[in-house]
Amino acid sequence: MTKVRIAKSEDSRMESMADEFSGFEGMEDDPKEMARAMKKMGNEMGEELPPEFNEVVDRLESGQSPEEIESALPDLGNTDLSDDD
């Protein structure tokens, strides 16, 4: 059986993500729940995410806290996303 993908509008995807993350506060105390939410967000975006995203999700699933991940991956948020080369 093949997978069927249903096209969603950008507004619909953003609305779905907003609903998912409305209760994001307190999730830092439950890394596995945070990983589940991040996976869902990644799927909703429908775009290829950088390998760092998967690494963070894997670490959260293994029980690492966001603080532990930040100290293990200090350059995580320091990528230049501009098109200026």
N, C-alpha and C. Protein backbone atom coordinates (compact mmCIF):
# COMPACT_ATOMS: atom_id res chain seq x y z
N MET A 1 0.84 -1.16 0.00
CA MET A 1 0.00 0.00 0.00
C MET A 1 0.90 1.24 0.00
N THR A 2 0.57 2.20 -0.80
CA THR A 2 1.36 3.42 -0.87
C THR A 2 0.79 4.48 0.05
N LYS A 3 1.66 5.40 0.46
CA LYS A 3 1.23 6.50 1.31
C LYS A 3 0.50 7.53 0.47
N VAL A 4 -0.48 8.15 1.06
CA VAL A 4 -1.21 9.23 0.42
C VAL A 4 -0.91 10.50 1.21
N ARG A 5 -0.53 11.52 0.52
CA ARG A 5 -0.22 12.80 1.16
C ARG A 5 -1.32 13.80 0.82
N ILE A 6 -1.87 14.40 1.83
CA ILE A 6 -2.94 15.38 1.63
C ILE A 6 -2.31 16.77 1.67
N ALA A 7 -2.55 17.53 0.63
CA ALA A 7 -2.00 18.88 0.56
C ALA A 7 -2.76 19.79 1.51
N LYS A 8 -2.00 20.55 2.29
CA LYS A 8 -2.58 21.54 3.19
C LYS A 8 -2.08 22.91 2.80
N SER A 9 -2.90 23.89 3.02
CA SER A 9 -2.46 25.25 2.75
C SER A 9 -1.45 25.65 3.83
N GLU A 10 -0.66 26.66 3.52
CA GLU A 10 0.31 27.18 4.48
C GLU A 10 -0.40 27.63 5.76
N ASP A 11 -1.53 28.30 5.62
CA ASP A 11 -2.28 28.76 6.79
C ASP A 11 -2.75 27.58 7.64
N SER A 12 -3.20 26.53 6.99
CA SER A 12 -3.67 25.35 7.71
C SER A 12 -2.53 24.69 8.47
N ARG A 13 -1.34 24.60 7.84
CA ARG A 13 -0.19 24.01 8.52
C ARG A 13 0.22 24.85 9.72
N MET A 14 0.26 26.16 9.54
CA MET A 14 0.65 27.04 10.63
C MET A 14 -0.36 26.97 11.79
N GLU A 15 -1.62 26.88 11.45
CA GLU A 15 -2.66 26.76 12.47
C GLU A 15 -2.50 25.46 13.26
N SER A 16 -2.21 24.40 12.55
CA SER A 16 -2.02 23.11 13.19
C SER A 16 -0.81 23.13 14.12
N MET A 17 0.28 23.77 13.68
CA MET A 17 1.46 23.87 14.53
C MET A 17 1.19 24.75 15.74
N ALA A 18 0.45 25.82 15.56
CA ALA A 18 0.12 26.70 16.68
C ALA A 18 -0.69 25.94 17.73
N ASP A 19 -1.63 25.12 17.27
CA ASP A 19 -2.41 24.30 18.20
C ASP A 19 -1.51 23.33 18.95
N GLU A 20 -0.60 22.71 18.25
CA GLU A 20 0.30 21.73 18.86
C GLU A 20 1.18 22.38 19.92
N PHE A 21 1.68 23.57 19.63
CA PHE A 21 2.64 24.19 20.53
C PHE A 21 2.01 25.20 21.49
N SER A 22 0.68 25.28 21.53
CA SER A 22 0.05 26.20 22.47
C SER A 22 0.38 25.83 23.90
N GLY A 23 0.59 24.57 24.16
CA GLY A 23 0.94 24.11 25.49
C GLY A 23 2.41 23.78 25.62
N PHE A 24 3.25 24.41 24.83
CA PHE A 24 4.69 24.13 24.81
C PHE A 24 5.36 24.42 26.15
N GLU A 25 4.81 25.39 26.90
CA GLU A 25 5.37 25.70 28.20
C GLU A 25 5.32 24.45 29.07
N GLY A 26 6.38 24.20 29.77
CA GLY A 26 6.44 23.03 30.63
C GLY A 26 6.96 21.79 29.94
N MET A 27 7.00 21.80 28.61
CA MET A 27 7.51 20.63 27.89
C MET A 27 9.00 20.41 28.12
N GLU A 28 9.71 21.47 28.52
CA GLU A 28 11.14 21.31 28.76
C GLU A 28 11.38 20.32 29.90
N ASP A 29 10.36 20.05 30.71
CA ASP A 29 10.47 19.07 31.77
C ASP A 29 10.22 17.65 31.27
N ASP A 30 9.79 17.51 30.03
CA ASP A 30 9.50 16.20 29.44
C ASP A 30 10.12 16.13 28.04
N PRO A 31 11.43 15.81 27.98
CA PRO A 31 12.12 15.81 26.68
C PRO A 31 11.47 14.90 25.64
N LYS A 32 10.93 13.77 26.06
CA LYS A 32 10.33 12.84 25.09
C LYS A 32 9.07 13.44 24.48
N GLU A 33 8.29 14.16 25.27
CA GLU A 33 7.09 14.82 24.75
C GLU A 33 7.50 15.95 23.80
N MET A 34 8.57 16.66 24.15
CA MET A 34 9.07 17.73 23.29
C MET A 34 9.53 17.15 21.95
N ALA A 35 10.19 16.00 21.98
CA ALA A 35 10.64 15.35 20.74
C ALA A 35 9.44 14.97 19.87
N ARG A 36 8.39 14.44 20.50
CA ARG A 36 7.19 14.07 19.75
C ARG A 36 6.58 15.28 19.07
N ALA A 37 6.50 16.39 19.80
CA ALA A 37 5.93 17.62 19.24
C ALA A 37 6.80 18.16 18.11
N MET A 38 8.12 18.09 18.28
CA MET A 38 9.02 18.59 17.24
C MET A 38 8.92 17.74 15.97
N LYS A 39 8.78 16.43 16.13
CA LYS A 39 8.61 15.56 14.96
C LYS A 39 7.33 15.92 14.21
N LYS A 40 6.27 16.13 14.98
CA LYS A 40 5.00 16.48 14.36
C LYS A 40 5.12 17.81 13.62
N MET A 41 5.80 18.77 14.26
CA MET A 41 6.00 20.08 13.63
C MET A 41 6.79 19.91 12.33
N GLY A 42 7.85 19.10 12.36
CA GLY A 42 8.65 18.86 11.17
C GLY A 42 7.83 18.25 10.05
N ASN A 43 6.96 17.32 10.40
CA ASN A 43 6.09 16.70 9.39
C ASN A 43 5.09 17.70 8.83
N GLU A 44 4.56 18.56 9.69
CA GLU A 44 3.59 19.57 9.25
C GLU A 44 4.22 20.57 8.29
N MET A 45 5.49 20.88 8.50
CA MET A 45 6.16 21.86 7.65
C MET A 45 6.29 21.36 6.22
N GLY A 46 6.42 20.05 6.05
CA GLY A 46 6.51 19.49 4.71
C GLY A 46 7.77 19.84 3.96
N GLU A 47 8.79 20.28 4.68
CA GLU A 47 10.05 20.64 4.06
C GLU A 47 11.16 19.78 4.65
N GLU A 48 12.25 19.67 3.90
CA GLU A 48 13.40 18.94 4.42
C GLU A 48 14.07 19.79 5.50
N LEU A 49 14.29 19.17 6.64
CA LEU A 49 14.90 19.88 7.76
C LEU A 49 16.38 19.52 7.84
N PRO A 50 17.17 20.39 8.43
CA PRO A 50 18.60 20.12 8.51
C PRO A 50 18.88 18.93 9.43
N PRO A 51 20.02 18.27 9.24
CA PRO A 51 20.36 17.10 10.06
C PRO A 51 20.40 17.43 11.56
N GLU A 52 20.70 18.67 11.89
CA GLU A 52 20.75 19.06 13.30
C GLU A 52 19.38 18.89 13.96
N PHE A 53 18.32 19.11 13.20
CA PHE A 53 16.97 18.94 13.74
C PHE A 53 16.79 17.50 14.21
N ASN A 54 17.16 16.56 13.35
CA ASN A 54 17.02 15.14 13.70
C ASN A 54 17.91 14.78 14.88
N GLU A 55 19.09 15.36 14.96
CA GLU A 55 19.98 15.07 16.08
C GLU A 55 19.37 15.55 17.39
N VAL A 56 18.79 16.74 17.38
CA VAL A 56 18.15 17.26 18.58
C VAL A 56 16.98 16.38 18.98
N VAL A 57 16.15 16.00 18.02
CA VAL A 57 15.00 15.13 18.32
C VAL A 57 15.48 13.80 18.89
N ASP A 58 16.51 13.21 18.30
CA ASP A 58 17.05 11.94 18.81
C ASP A 58 17.54 12.08 20.24
N ARG A 59 18.21 13.19 20.53
CA ARG A 59 18.72 13.41 21.89
C ARG A 59 17.57 13.61 22.88
N LEU A 60 16.54 14.33 22.46
CA LEU A 60 15.37 14.50 23.33
C LEU A 60 14.69 13.16 23.59
N GLU A 61 14.57 12.33 22.55
CA GLU A 61 13.94 11.02 22.71
C GLU A 61 14.73 10.14 23.67
N SER A 62 16.04 10.36 23.73
CA SER A 62 16.86 9.56 24.65
C SER A 62 16.80 10.10 26.07
N GLY A 63 16.10 11.23 26.27
CA GLY A 63 15.91 11.77 27.60
C GLY A 63 16.78 12.96 27.95
N GLN A 64 17.61 13.42 27.01
CA GLN A 64 18.45 14.59 27.30
C GLN A 64 17.58 15.83 27.40
N SER A 65 17.91 16.70 28.35
CA SER A 65 17.18 17.95 28.50
C SER A 65 17.65 18.95 27.45
N PRO A 66 16.83 19.97 27.15
CA PRO A 66 17.27 21.01 26.21
C PRO A 66 18.59 21.66 26.65
N GLU A 67 18.76 21.85 27.95
CA GLU A 67 19.99 22.45 28.45
C GLU A 67 21.21 21.56 28.17
N GLU A 68 21.04 20.25 28.35
CA GLU A 68 22.13 19.31 28.06
C GLU A 68 22.48 19.33 26.58
N ILE A 69 21.47 19.42 25.75
CA ILE A 69 21.69 19.45 24.30
C ILE A 69 22.41 20.73 23.91
N GLU A 70 21.98 21.85 24.47
CA GLU A 70 22.64 23.13 24.17
C GLU A 70 24.11 23.11 24.56
N SER A 71 24.44 22.51 25.70
CA SER A 71 25.84 22.50 26.09
C SER A 71 26.64 21.49 25.27
N ALA A 72 25.99 20.40 24.80
CA ALA A 72 26.69 19.42 23.97
C ALA A 72 26.87 19.90 22.54
N LEU A 73 25.95 20.77 22.07
CA LEU A 73 25.98 21.27 20.71
C LEU A 73 25.98 22.80 20.73
N PRO A 74 27.07 23.43 21.18
CA PRO A 74 27.07 24.88 21.37
C PRO A 74 26.84 25.69 20.10
N ASP A 75 27.16 25.16 18.92
CA ASP A 75 27.00 25.90 17.67
C ASP A 75 25.64 25.67 17.02
N LEU A 76 24.74 25.01 17.71
CA LEU A 76 23.47 24.60 17.13
C LEU A 76 22.66 25.75 16.55
N GLY A 77 22.52 26.85 17.22
CA GLY A 77 21.70 27.94 16.73
C GLY A 77 22.47 29.00 15.97
N ASN A 78 23.73 28.73 15.65
CA ASN A 78 24.58 29.74 15.03
C ASN A 78 24.80 29.52 13.55
N THR A 79 23.81 29.00 12.84
CA THR A 79 23.95 28.81 11.40
C THR A 79 23.46 30.05 10.67
N ASP A 80 24.18 30.43 9.63
CA ASP A 80 23.82 31.60 8.83
C ASP A 80 22.87 31.16 7.74
N LEU A 81 21.64 31.62 7.80
CA LEU A 81 20.62 31.21 6.83
C LEU A 81 20.45 32.20 5.69
N SER A 82 21.28 33.22 5.64
CA SER A 82 21.14 34.22 4.58
C SER A 82 21.69 33.67 3.27
N ASP A 83 21.22 34.24 2.19
CA ASP A 83 21.67 33.82 0.87
C ASP A 83 22.88 34.63 0.41
N ASP A 84 23.40 35.50 1.25
CA ASP A 84 24.54 36.33 0.90
C ASP A 84 25.81 35.50 1.01
N ASP A 85 26.42 35.15 -0.10
CA ASP A 85 27.65 34.34 -0.08
C ASP A 85 28.85 35.21 -0.32
